[in-house]
C-alpha atoms as a PDB file:
ATOM      1  CA  MET A   1     122.450  86.816  54.606  1.00  0.00           C
ATOM      2  CA  LYS A   2     118.720  87.007  53.896  1.00  0.00           C
ATOM      3  CA  LYS A   3     117.934  84.918  57.153  1.00  0.00           C
ATOM      4  CA  SER A   4     120.224  87.278  59.248  1.00  0.00           C
ATOM      5  CA  HIS A   5     118.044  90.335  57.987  1.00  0.00           C
ATOM      6  CA  THR A   6     114.875  88.616  58.822  1.00  0.00           C
ATOM      7  CA  LEU A   7     116.170  87.846  62.278  1.00  0.00           C
ATOM      8  CA  MET A   8     117.511  91.656  62.785  1.00  0.00           C
ATOM      9  CA  ALA A   9     113.907  92.912  61.530  1.00  0.00           C
ATOM     10  CA  LEU A  10     112.093  90.621  64.046  1.00  0.00           C
ATOM     11  CA  ALA A  11     114.626  91.595  66.832  1.00  0.00           C
ATOM     12  CA  GLY A  12     113.793  95.375  65.935  1.00  0.00           C
ATOM     13  CA  ILE A  13     110.135  94.783  66.012  1.00  0.00           C
ATOM     14  CA  CYS A  14     110.241  92.931  69.298  1.00  0.00           C
ATOM     15  CA  CYS A  15     112.318  95.781  70.869  1.00  0.00           C
ATOM     16  CA  GLY A  16     110.137  98.448  69.560  1.00  0.00           C
ATOM     17  CA  ALA A  17     106.954  96.569  71.040  1.00  0.00           C
ATOM     18  CA  LEU A  18     108.617  96.353  74.369  1.00  0.00           C
ATOM     19  CA  LEU A  19     109.564 100.113  74.378  1.00  0.00           C
ATOM     20  CA  VAL A  20     105.905 101.089  73.703  1.00  0.00           C
ATOM     21  CA  THR A  21     104.469  98.793  76.334  1.00  0.00           C
ATOM     22  CA  ALA A  22     107.162  99.790  78.869  1.00  0.00           C
ATOM     23  CA  CYS A  23     106.436 103.489  78.380  1.00  0.00           C
ATOM     24  CA  HIS A  24     102.803 103.222  79.133  1.00  0.00           C
ATOM     25  CA  GLN A  25     101.806 103.744  82.600  1.00  0.00           C
ATOM     26  CA  ASN A  26      98.233 103.279  83.772  1.00  0.00           C
ATOM     27  CA  PRO A  27      96.998 106.846  84.790  1.00  0.00           C
ATOM     28  CA  LEU A  28      94.576 105.311  87.217  1.00  0.00           C
ATOM     29  CA  ALA A  29      97.659 103.793  89.243  1.00  0.00           C
ATOM     30  CA  GLY A  30      98.978 107.254  89.842  1.00  0.00           C
ATOM     31  CA  ASP A  31      99.711 108.562  93.315  1.00  0.00           C
ATOM     32  CA  ASP A  32      96.393 110.637  93.606  1.00  0.00           C
ATOM     33  CA  LYS A  33      93.993 107.885  94.251  1.00  0.00           C
ATOM     34  CA  GLU A  34      91.134 110.455  95.046  1.00  0.00           C
ATOM     35  CA  LYS A  35      91.784 111.998  91.597  1.00  0.00           C
ATOM     36  CA  SER A  36      91.584 108.771  89.742  1.00  0.00           C
ATOM     37  CA  ALA A  37      88.559 107.522  91.806  1.00  0.00           C
ATOM     38  CA  ASN A  38      86.558 110.691  90.984  1.00  0.00           C
ATOM     39  CA  PHE A  39      87.616 110.419  87.355  1.00  0.00           C
ATOM     40  CA  VAL A  40      86.416 106.738  87.209  1.00  0.00           C
ATOM     41  CA  MET A  41      83.123 107.677  88.873  1.00  0.00           C
ATOM     42  CA  LYS A  42      82.459 110.443  86.449  1.00  0.00           C
ATOM     43  CA  ALA A  43      83.147 108.151  83.482  1.00  0.00           C
ATOM     44  CA  SER A  44      81.092 105.450  84.853  1.00  0.00           C
ATOM     45  CA  MET A  45      78.128 107.809  85.094  1.00  0.00           C
ATOM     46  CA  PHE A  46      78.622 108.956  81.544  1.00  0.00           C
ATOM     47  CA  ALA A  47      78.629 105.350  80.343  1.00  0.00           C
ATOM     48  CA  GLU A  48      75.641 104.587  82.548  1.00  0.00           C
ATOM     49  CA  LYS A  49      73.629 107.554  81.134  1.00  0.00           C
ATOM     50  CA  LYS A  50      74.676 106.436  77.517  1.00  0.00           C
ATOM     51  CA  ALA A  51      73.231 102.808  78.193  1.00  0.00           C
ATOM     52  CA  ASN A  52      70.013 104.399  79.680  1.00  0.00           C
ATOM     53  CA  ARG A  53      70.753 102.931  83.022  1.00  0.00           C
ATOM     54  CA  MET A  54      70.115 104.523  86.395  1.00  0.00           C
ATOM     55  CA  VAL A  55      72.998 106.848  86.937  1.00  0.00           C
ATOM     56  CA  SER A  56      74.885 106.095  90.188  1.00  0.00           C
ATOM     57  CA  GLY A  57      78.539 105.745  89.223  1.00  0.00           C
ATOM     58  CA  THR A  58      78.667 102.150  90.369  1.00  0.00           C
ATOM     59  CA  GLY A  59      78.845 100.583  87.018  1.00  0.00           C
ATOM     60  CA  TYR A  60      82.859 100.457  87.037  1.00  0.00           C
ATOM     61  CA  LYS A  61      82.658  98.809  90.382  1.00  0.00           C
ATOM     62  CA  GLN A  62      80.206  96.121  89.272  1.00  0.00           C
ATOM     63  CA  CYS A  63      82.287  95.242  86.381  1.00  0.00           C
ATOM     64  CA  MET A  64      85.475  95.159  88.504  1.00  0.00           C
ATOM     65  CA  THR A  65      83.747  92.984  91.085  1.00  0.00           C
ATOM     66  CA  GLU A  66      80.620  90.759  91.125  1.00  0.00           C
ATOM     67  CA  ASN A  67      78.557  92.703  88.640  1.00  0.00           C
ATOM     68  CA  ILE A  68      75.226  91.540  90.180  1.00  0.00           C
ATOM     69  CA  GLN A  69      73.511  94.381  88.471  1.00  0.00           C
ATOM     70  CA  GLY A  70      74.158  92.729  85.098  1.00  0.00           C
ATOM     71  CA  PHE A  71      76.041  95.812  83.353  1.00  0.00           C
ATOM     72  CA  ASP A  72      77.273  95.426  79.876  1.00  0.00           C
ATOM     73  CA  CYS A  73      80.903  95.682  81.001  1.00  0.00           C
ATOM     74  CA  PRO A  74      82.465  95.811  77.474  1.00  0.00           C
ATOM     75  CA  LYS A  75      80.164  98.431  76.437  1.00  0.00           C
ATOM     76  CA  LEU A  76      80.780 100.353  79.707  1.00  0.00           C
ATOM     77  CA  PHE A  77      84.457 100.277  79.282  1.00  0.00           C
ATOM     78  CA  VAL A  78      84.127 101.643  75.723  1.00  0.00           C
ATOM     79  CA  ASP A  79      81.962 104.467  76.800  1.00  0.00           C
ATOM     80  CA  MET A  80      84.264 105.245  79.645  1.00  0.00           C
ATOM     81  CA  LEU A  81      87.002 105.632  77.148  1.00  0.00           C
ATOM     82  CA  ILE A  82      84.982 108.036  75.185  1.00  0.00           C
ATOM     83  CA  PHE A  83      84.716 110.068  78.230  1.00  0.00           C
ATOM     84  CA  ALA A  84      88.279 109.803  78.847  1.00  0.00           C
ATOM     85  CA  LYS A  85      89.167 111.348  75.484  1.00  0.00           C
ATOM     86  CA  ASP A  86      87.887 114.732  76.476  1.00  0.00           C
ATOM     87  CA  ASN A  87      90.323 114.701  79.752  1.00  0.00           C
ATOM     88  CA  GLN A  88      93.838 115.729  79.363  1.00  0.00           C
ATOM     89  CA  GLU A  89      95.186 113.523  81.922  1.00  0.00           C
ATOM     90  CA  TYR A  90      93.155 110.390  80.962  1.00  0.00           C
ATOM     91  CA  LYS A  91      92.998 110.752  77.344  1.00  0.00           C
ATOM     92  CA  GLY A  92      95.648 108.139  76.753  1.00  0.00           C
ATOM     93  CA  LEU A  93      93.559 105.551  79.054  1.00  0.00           C
ATOM     94  CA  THR A  94      93.183 102.088  77.481  1.00  0.00           C
ATOM     95  CA  GLU A  95      90.537  99.362  78.127  1.00  0.00           C
ATOM     96  CA  ALA A  96      93.417  97.362  79.611  1.00  0.00           C
ATOM     97  CA  ASP A  97      94.040 100.113  82.117  1.00  0.00           C
ATOM     98  CA  LEU A  98      90.361 100.239  83.123  1.00  0.00           C
ATOM     99  CA  LYS A  99      90.541  96.435  83.525  1.00  0.00           C
ATOM    100  CA  ASP A 100      93.546  96.540  85.561  1.00  0.00           C
ATOM    101  CA  LYS A 101      92.483  94.795  88.881  1.00  0.00           C
ATOM    102  CA  GLN A 102      95.694  96.157  90.674  1.00  0.00           C
ATOM    103  CA  ALA A 103      95.026  99.575  89.786  1.00  0.00           C
ATOM    104  CA  TYR A 104      91.381  99.065  90.845  1.00  0.00           C
ATOM    105  CA  GLN A 105      92.454  97.645  94.073  1.00  0.00           C
ATOM    106  CA  LEU A 106      94.639 100.621  94.803  1.00  0.00           C
ATOM    107  CA  MET A 107      91.904 103.410  94.293  1.00  0.00           C
ATOM    108  CA  ALA A 108      89.032 101.165  95.687  1.00  0.00           C
ATOM    109  CA  SER A 109      88.764 102.916  98.943  1.00  0.00           C
ATOM    110  CA  ALA A 110      88.813 106.366  97.480  1.00  0.00           C
ATOM    111  CA  TYR A 111      86.297 105.154  94.715  1.00  0.00           C
ATOM    112  CA  ASN A 112      84.058 103.795  97.383  1.00  0.00           C
ATOM    113  CA  LYS A 113      84.362 107.151  99.359  1.00  0.00           C
ATOM    114  CA  ALA A 114      83.742 109.146  96.326  1.00  0.00           C
ATOM    115  CA  LEU A 115      80.479 107.102  95.637  1.00  0.00           C
ATOM    116  CA  PHE A 116      79.268 107.609  99.222  1.00  0.00           C
ATOM    117  CA  ASN A 117      80.076 111.324  99.081  1.00  0.00           C
ATOM    118  CA  ARG A 118      77.981 111.622  95.941  1.00  0.00           C
ATOM    119  CA  ILE A 119      74.839 110.537  97.885  1.00  0.00           C
END
């Protein structure tokens, strides 16, 4: 009897974990790529400024690609999440969302365009 209660509890925990992860959708992978790209650029600029780096908005791109400029990517992501907390649409953003290569690829063109238009 005790064994079946333990199994039922484990099954409940597993189902709960699946529901939580299944309900979370990466806000950067939404339909409006330009909006996501502009948000990421602004969040990156915020993080770059906090790190006393030249503010260009390219830190996120560096961390998602070759990082030839030597960004401290874990710190950049944390600071980008701090920036996200003040944005209603992105306040639920996670570090895993920021590191999601597929979401990055979906908005890469819009992000590059936003960076170019900033100049």
